[in-house]
Structure formats: C-alpha cells, structure tokens
Amino acid sequence: MTLDTLLQRRDIWRGGRLSPVTGGGLSTGFPELDAVLPGGGWPRGALTEILTTQEGIGELRLMLPTLARLSRGDRWIAWIAPPRLPYAPALAAAEIDLSRVLLVCPRAQTDALWATEQALRSGTCATVLAWPRQSNDRALRRLQLAAEAGKTCGFLFHYTRGAGTPSPAALRLRLEPNIQGLLVHILKCRGSFVAGPVVLTLSRSP
C-alpha cells in the first residue's frame, strides 16, 4: 500500500488538513472555544467525544447554547441513555424548545448503541447526545460514519479513563472543573492542530 493510498482512507486524518465537512462549524456559544476550533465551532456531520472526570461538572451547561439554537429548527434533539433524566424546567429556562426533545432510554447497552447509530443516520435529528456505558473502536467508527451520512452533530459523553484509547471522532475534548467554570482540553481536533486548554465561564444552572 502506497502512502497516497493510505492517506485516502476515511480513518486517517492529518492535523493540518481542513475538515471534509463543508458549511463551517456550529458555534458552541462560547467565543473563546469557537476561536480554537476549525470552522468556528462543533464539527457538523461528525462525532464529538466529551470526556469528563465525573458527572455534573458542567458538561451539559457547555451544550445549552447549542441545544437552544438547534431546538428552533425542525429536527429533533435526541438524548440517548442519559445517566439522569433531563430536568425539563432547566432546559426550558435555557430557551430549549421541549417539543423538539426526544428522550430514549434503552435497557441494554447494545440497544443504546443501535439507537444512537439510527438517530445519527436518520437525518431527522439536528443533534444526538449519547452516554454509552461501553464502546470500542468498531462501534465508534460506525457512529462516526452514521453522523456523516445523516449530517448530524453527535456528542458522546465518557469518563476520562478512556482518554488514552484511539478514536475516529472528529473532535475529542476532556473537561475539568475550574474555579471560573470549566477547563477544556482539546485532545484531538480534525482540521487543526491541538491547542492549549481553554477556560470557560459557565452560567449557573437555572
């Protein structure tokens, strides 16, 4: 196999190459984070992995501006296997249209991965937020391809113990609590070189 042939593979990416997804990024709602992400925000039609040290450190508050904006469209915001039921009054206070929220609570892990893949691939979801309890490289690759096919922004939430494993996701972030709000480490960023950590000031939950 030649080098040129190898570089044409979908699972190979070069740090300085722009993302193949057109249309620019989807703004995170945080200018300081948008400034270091290619396209100015979350990668469209791609998978983003968010790794946290523990639940409830601000990972959902990080998502609120994006969810509020997407909920004003005509596609669903799917939550799949969240560890806690979303608190509807808090979502409404963040200006998220609850009529566009779809909650899926599978009993089995295999069902959760299947539901995530179907939601990403369907094209009817603007974004999919999923909390898989376990996954492997093959499962993540299927989810990445499904996000590309459905032109959907997919977000997977994991614990940081998986940070050392390879991933086909276009963007990989590690979050840590910070006195100002949240410290965002960019572990992998397709279309740009990895930048230093970004400090975000988060509004308090309603």
Protein backbone atom coordinates (compact mmCIF):
# COMPACT_ATOMS: atom_id res chain seq x y z
CA MET A 1 0.00 0.00 0.00
CA THR A 2 1.43 3.39 -1.01
CA LEU A 3 1.40 6.47 1.20
CA ASP A 4 -1.04 8.24 -1.15
CA THR A 5 -3.42 5.30 -0.95
CA LEU A 6 -3.14 5.23 2.82
CA LEU A 7 -3.92 8.95 3.13
CA GLN A 8 -7.15 8.47 1.16
CA ARG A 9 -8.61 6.26 3.88
CA ARG A 10 -11.50 7.76 5.87
CA ASP A 11 -9.98 6.67 9.16
CA ILE A 12 -6.73 8.57 8.52
CA TRP A 13 -6.57 12.30 9.16
CA ARG A 14 -3.82 14.89 9.08
CA GLY A 15 -3.67 17.57 11.75
CA GLY A 16 -3.27 20.48 9.35
CA ARG A 17 -5.96 19.40 6.91
CA LEU A 18 -9.30 21.17 6.92
CA SER A 19 -12.32 19.10 7.85
CA PRO A 20 -14.04 17.47 4.88
CA VAL A 21 -17.42 18.59 6.22
CA THR A 22 -18.47 21.75 4.42
CA GLY A 23 -20.51 24.66 5.73
CA GLY A 24 -18.29 25.60 8.65
CA GLY A 25 -18.67 24.62 12.27
CA LEU A 26 -21.68 25.02 14.54
CA SER A 27 -20.95 27.72 17.10
CA THR A 28 -20.60 26.42 20.66
CA GLY A 29 -21.90 29.69 22.06
CA PHE A 30 -18.52 30.35 23.69
CA PRO A 31 -16.34 32.66 21.52
CA GLU A 32 -13.12 31.58 23.23
CA LEU A 33 -13.79 27.95 22.35
CA ASP A 34 -15.02 28.71 18.82
CA ALA A 35 -11.75 30.57 18.20
CA VAL A 36 -9.66 27.39 18.54
CA LEU A 37 -11.98 25.02 16.69
CA PRO A 38 -11.76 24.71 12.88
CA GLY A 39 -14.83 26.19 11.23
CA GLY A 40 -15.56 28.20 14.35
CA GLY A 41 -17.43 25.59 16.37
CA TRP A 42 -18.60 22.00 16.70
CA PRO A 43 -17.89 19.90 13.59
CA ARG A 44 -21.06 19.35 11.55
CA GLY A 45 -21.96 15.87 10.38
CA ALA A 46 -19.38 14.36 12.71
CA LEU A 47 -18.83 12.82 16.11
CA THR A 48 -17.56 14.74 19.13
CA GLU A 49 -16.41 12.91 22.25
CA ILE A 50 -16.61 14.71 25.58
CA LEU A 51 -14.66 13.08 28.39
CA THR A 52 -15.28 14.14 31.98
CA THR A 53 -13.73 13.32 35.33
CA GLN A 54 -17.20 12.87 36.82
CA GLU A 55 -20.83 13.67 36.15
CA GLY A 56 -22.22 17.15 36.59
CA ILE A 57 -19.08 19.27 36.25
CA GLY A 58 -20.64 21.47 33.56
CA GLU A 59 -20.75 19.23 30.51
CA LEU A 60 -24.45 19.93 29.91
CA ARG A 61 -24.13 23.66 30.57
CA LEU A 62 -21.46 23.60 27.85
CA MET A 63 -24.12 22.24 25.47
CA LEU A 64 -27.02 24.56 26.37
CA PRO A 65 -26.35 27.39 23.85
CA THR A 66 -26.07 24.86 21.01
CA LEU A 67 -29.18 22.95 22.06
CA ALA A 68 -31.22 26.15 22.38
CA ARG A 69 -30.28 27.24 18.87
CA LEU A 70 -30.89 23.82 17.30
CA SER A 71 -34.25 23.42 19.03
CA ARG A 72 -35.58 26.33 16.98
CA GLY A 73 -35.24 24.23 13.83
CA ASP A 74 -37.42 21.42 12.54
CA ARG A 75 -35.21 18.47 13.57
CA TRP A 76 -35.06 16.54 16.83
CA ILE A 77 -32.60 16.82 19.71
CA ALA A 78 -32.16 13.21 20.79
CA TRP A 79 -30.94 12.21 24.27
CA ILE A 80 -29.98 8.53 24.40
CA ALA A 81 -29.34 6.71 27.67
CA PRO A 82 -28.57 9.79 29.81
CA PRO A 83 -27.40 8.87 33.36
CA ARG A 84 -30.10 11.15 34.80
CA LEU A 85 -33.42 12.26 33.35
CA PRO A 86 -33.08 15.77 31.87
CA TYR A 87 -34.74 18.38 34.11
CA ALA A 88 -37.35 19.96 31.85
CA PRO A 89 -37.71 23.31 33.72
CA ALA A 90 -33.94 23.89 33.46
CA LEU A 91 -33.98 23.13 29.72
CA ALA A 92 -36.93 25.47 29.20
CA ALA A 93 -35.18 28.21 31.20
CA ALA A 94 -32.20 27.81 28.82
CA GLU A 95 -34.62 28.56 25.94
CA ILE A 96 -34.66 24.99 24.63
CA ASP A 97 -37.92 24.11 22.88
CA LEU A 98 -39.02 20.99 24.74
CA SER A 99 -41.27 19.92 21.86
CA ARG A 100 -38.11 19.16 19.85
CA VAL A 101 -36.52 17.00 22.58
CA LEU A 102 -36.59 13.21 22.08
CA LEU A 103 -35.63 11.03 25.07
CA VAL A 104 -34.60 7.40 24.51
CA CYS A 105 -33.87 5.14 27.50
CA PRO A 106 -32.80 1.69 26.23
CA ARG A 107 -32.46 -1.13 28.74
CA ALA A 108 -29.43 -2.82 27.15
CA GLN A 109 -26.12 -1.29 26.10
CA THR A 110 -26.38 -2.88 22.66
CA ASP A 111 -29.76 -1.22 22.23
CA ALA A 112 -28.25 2.14 23.24
CA LEU A 113 -25.55 1.90 20.59
CA TRP A 114 -28.10 0.80 17.98
CA ALA A 115 -30.43 3.67 18.85
CA THR A 116 -27.55 6.16 18.70
CA GLU A 117 -26.49 4.94 15.28
CA GLN A 118 -30.04 5.06 13.91
CA ALA A 119 -30.64 8.56 15.28
CA LEU A 120 -27.39 9.84 13.77
CA ARG A 121 -28.03 8.23 10.40
CA SER A 122 -31.72 9.10 10.04
CA GLY A 123 -31.24 12.75 9.09
CA THR A 124 -34.20 13.73 11.29
CA CYS A 125 -32.04 14.76 14.28
CA ALA A 126 -30.15 18.02 14.45
CA THR A 127 -28.01 16.58 17.21
CA VAL A 128 -27.70 13.38 19.21
CA LEU A 129 -26.38 13.29 22.78
CA ALA A 130 -25.50 9.79 23.99
CA TRP A 131 -23.97 8.23 27.09
CA PRO A 132 -22.71 4.77 26.05
CA ARG A 133 -21.50 2.79 29.06
CA GLN A 134 -19.02 0.93 26.89
CA SER A 135 -17.87 1.08 23.30
CA ASN A 136 -14.99 0.01 21.12
CA ASP A 137 -13.22 1.37 18.07
CA ARG A 138 -15.53 -0.50 15.69
CA ALA A 139 -18.68 0.86 17.36
CA LEU A 140 -17.30 4.42 17.37
CA ARG A 141 -16.39 4.14 13.70
CA ARG A 142 -19.96 3.11 12.86
CA LEU A 143 -21.28 6.10 14.80
CA GLN A 144 -18.88 8.49 13.03
CA LEU A 145 -20.00 7.19 9.62
CA ALA A 146 -23.66 7.44 10.69
CA ALA A 147 -23.16 11.09 11.71
CA GLU A 148 -21.64 11.84 8.32
CA ALA A 149 -24.50 10.09 6.49
CA GLY A 150 -27.21 11.89 8.46
CA LYS A 151 -25.38 15.25 8.56
CA THR A 152 -25.92 15.18 12.31
CA CYS A 153 -23.80 16.55 15.16
CA GLY A 154 -23.20 13.64 17.51
CA PHE A 155 -21.93 14.02 21.08
CA LEU A 156 -20.75 11.08 23.16
CA PHE A 157 -20.09 11.52 26.87
CA HIS A 158 -17.47 9.27 28.53
CA TYR A 159 -15.25 9.29 31.58
CA THR A 160 -11.62 10.33 31.20
CA ARG A 161 -10.32 6.82 31.82
CA GLY A 162 -10.82 6.23 28.08
CA ALA A 163 -8.77 9.26 27.03
CA GLY A 164 -5.76 7.16 26.03
CA THR A 165 -7.64 4.95 23.58
CA PRO A 166 -7.77 5.85 19.85
CA SER A 167 -10.99 7.25 18.46
CA PRO A 168 -12.34 8.05 14.97
CA ALA A 169 -14.26 11.06 16.33
CA ALA A 170 -13.56 14.37 14.60
CA LEU A 171 -13.24 16.20 17.92
CA ARG A 172 -12.26 14.97 21.35
CA LEU A 173 -12.42 17.14 24.48
CA ARG A 174 -11.50 16.47 28.10
CA LEU A 175 -13.28 18.60 30.70
CA GLU A 176 -12.15 19.50 34.20
CA PRO A 177 -13.88 21.69 36.79
CA ASN A 178 -12.25 25.06 37.23
CA ILE A 179 -12.73 27.90 39.70
CA GLN A 180 -14.06 30.01 36.81
CA GLY A 181 -16.25 27.27 35.42
CA LEU A 182 -14.72 24.69 33.12
CA LEU A 183 -11.28 23.84 31.75
CA VAL A 184 -11.48 22.37 28.23
CA HIS A 185 -8.55 20.30 26.95
CA ILE A 186 -8.57 19.57 23.20
CA LEU A 187 -7.22 16.04 22.81
CA LYS A 188 -7.96 15.70 19.10
CA CYS A 189 -9.24 18.19 16.56
CA ARG A 190 -9.60 17.22 12.92
CA GLY A 191 -8.74 20.15 10.68
CA SER A 192 -6.44 21.94 13.10
CA PHE A 193 -3.53 21.46 15.43
CA VAL A 194 -4.32 20.73 19.06
CA ALA A 195 -4.45 23.99 21.04
CA GLY A 196 -3.84 24.60 24.72
CA PRO A 197 -6.63 24.34 27.29
CA VAL A 198 -9.47 26.85 27.15
CA VAL A 199 -11.06 28.29 30.30
CA LEU A 200 -14.81 28.82 30.03
CA THR A 201 -17.02 30.79 32.39
CA LEU A 202 -20.33 28.97 32.69
CA SER A 203 -23.61 30.44 33.85
CA ARG A 204 -25.15 28.69 36.83
CA SER A 205 -27.86 26.13 36.18
CA PRO A 206 -31.38 27.59 36.37
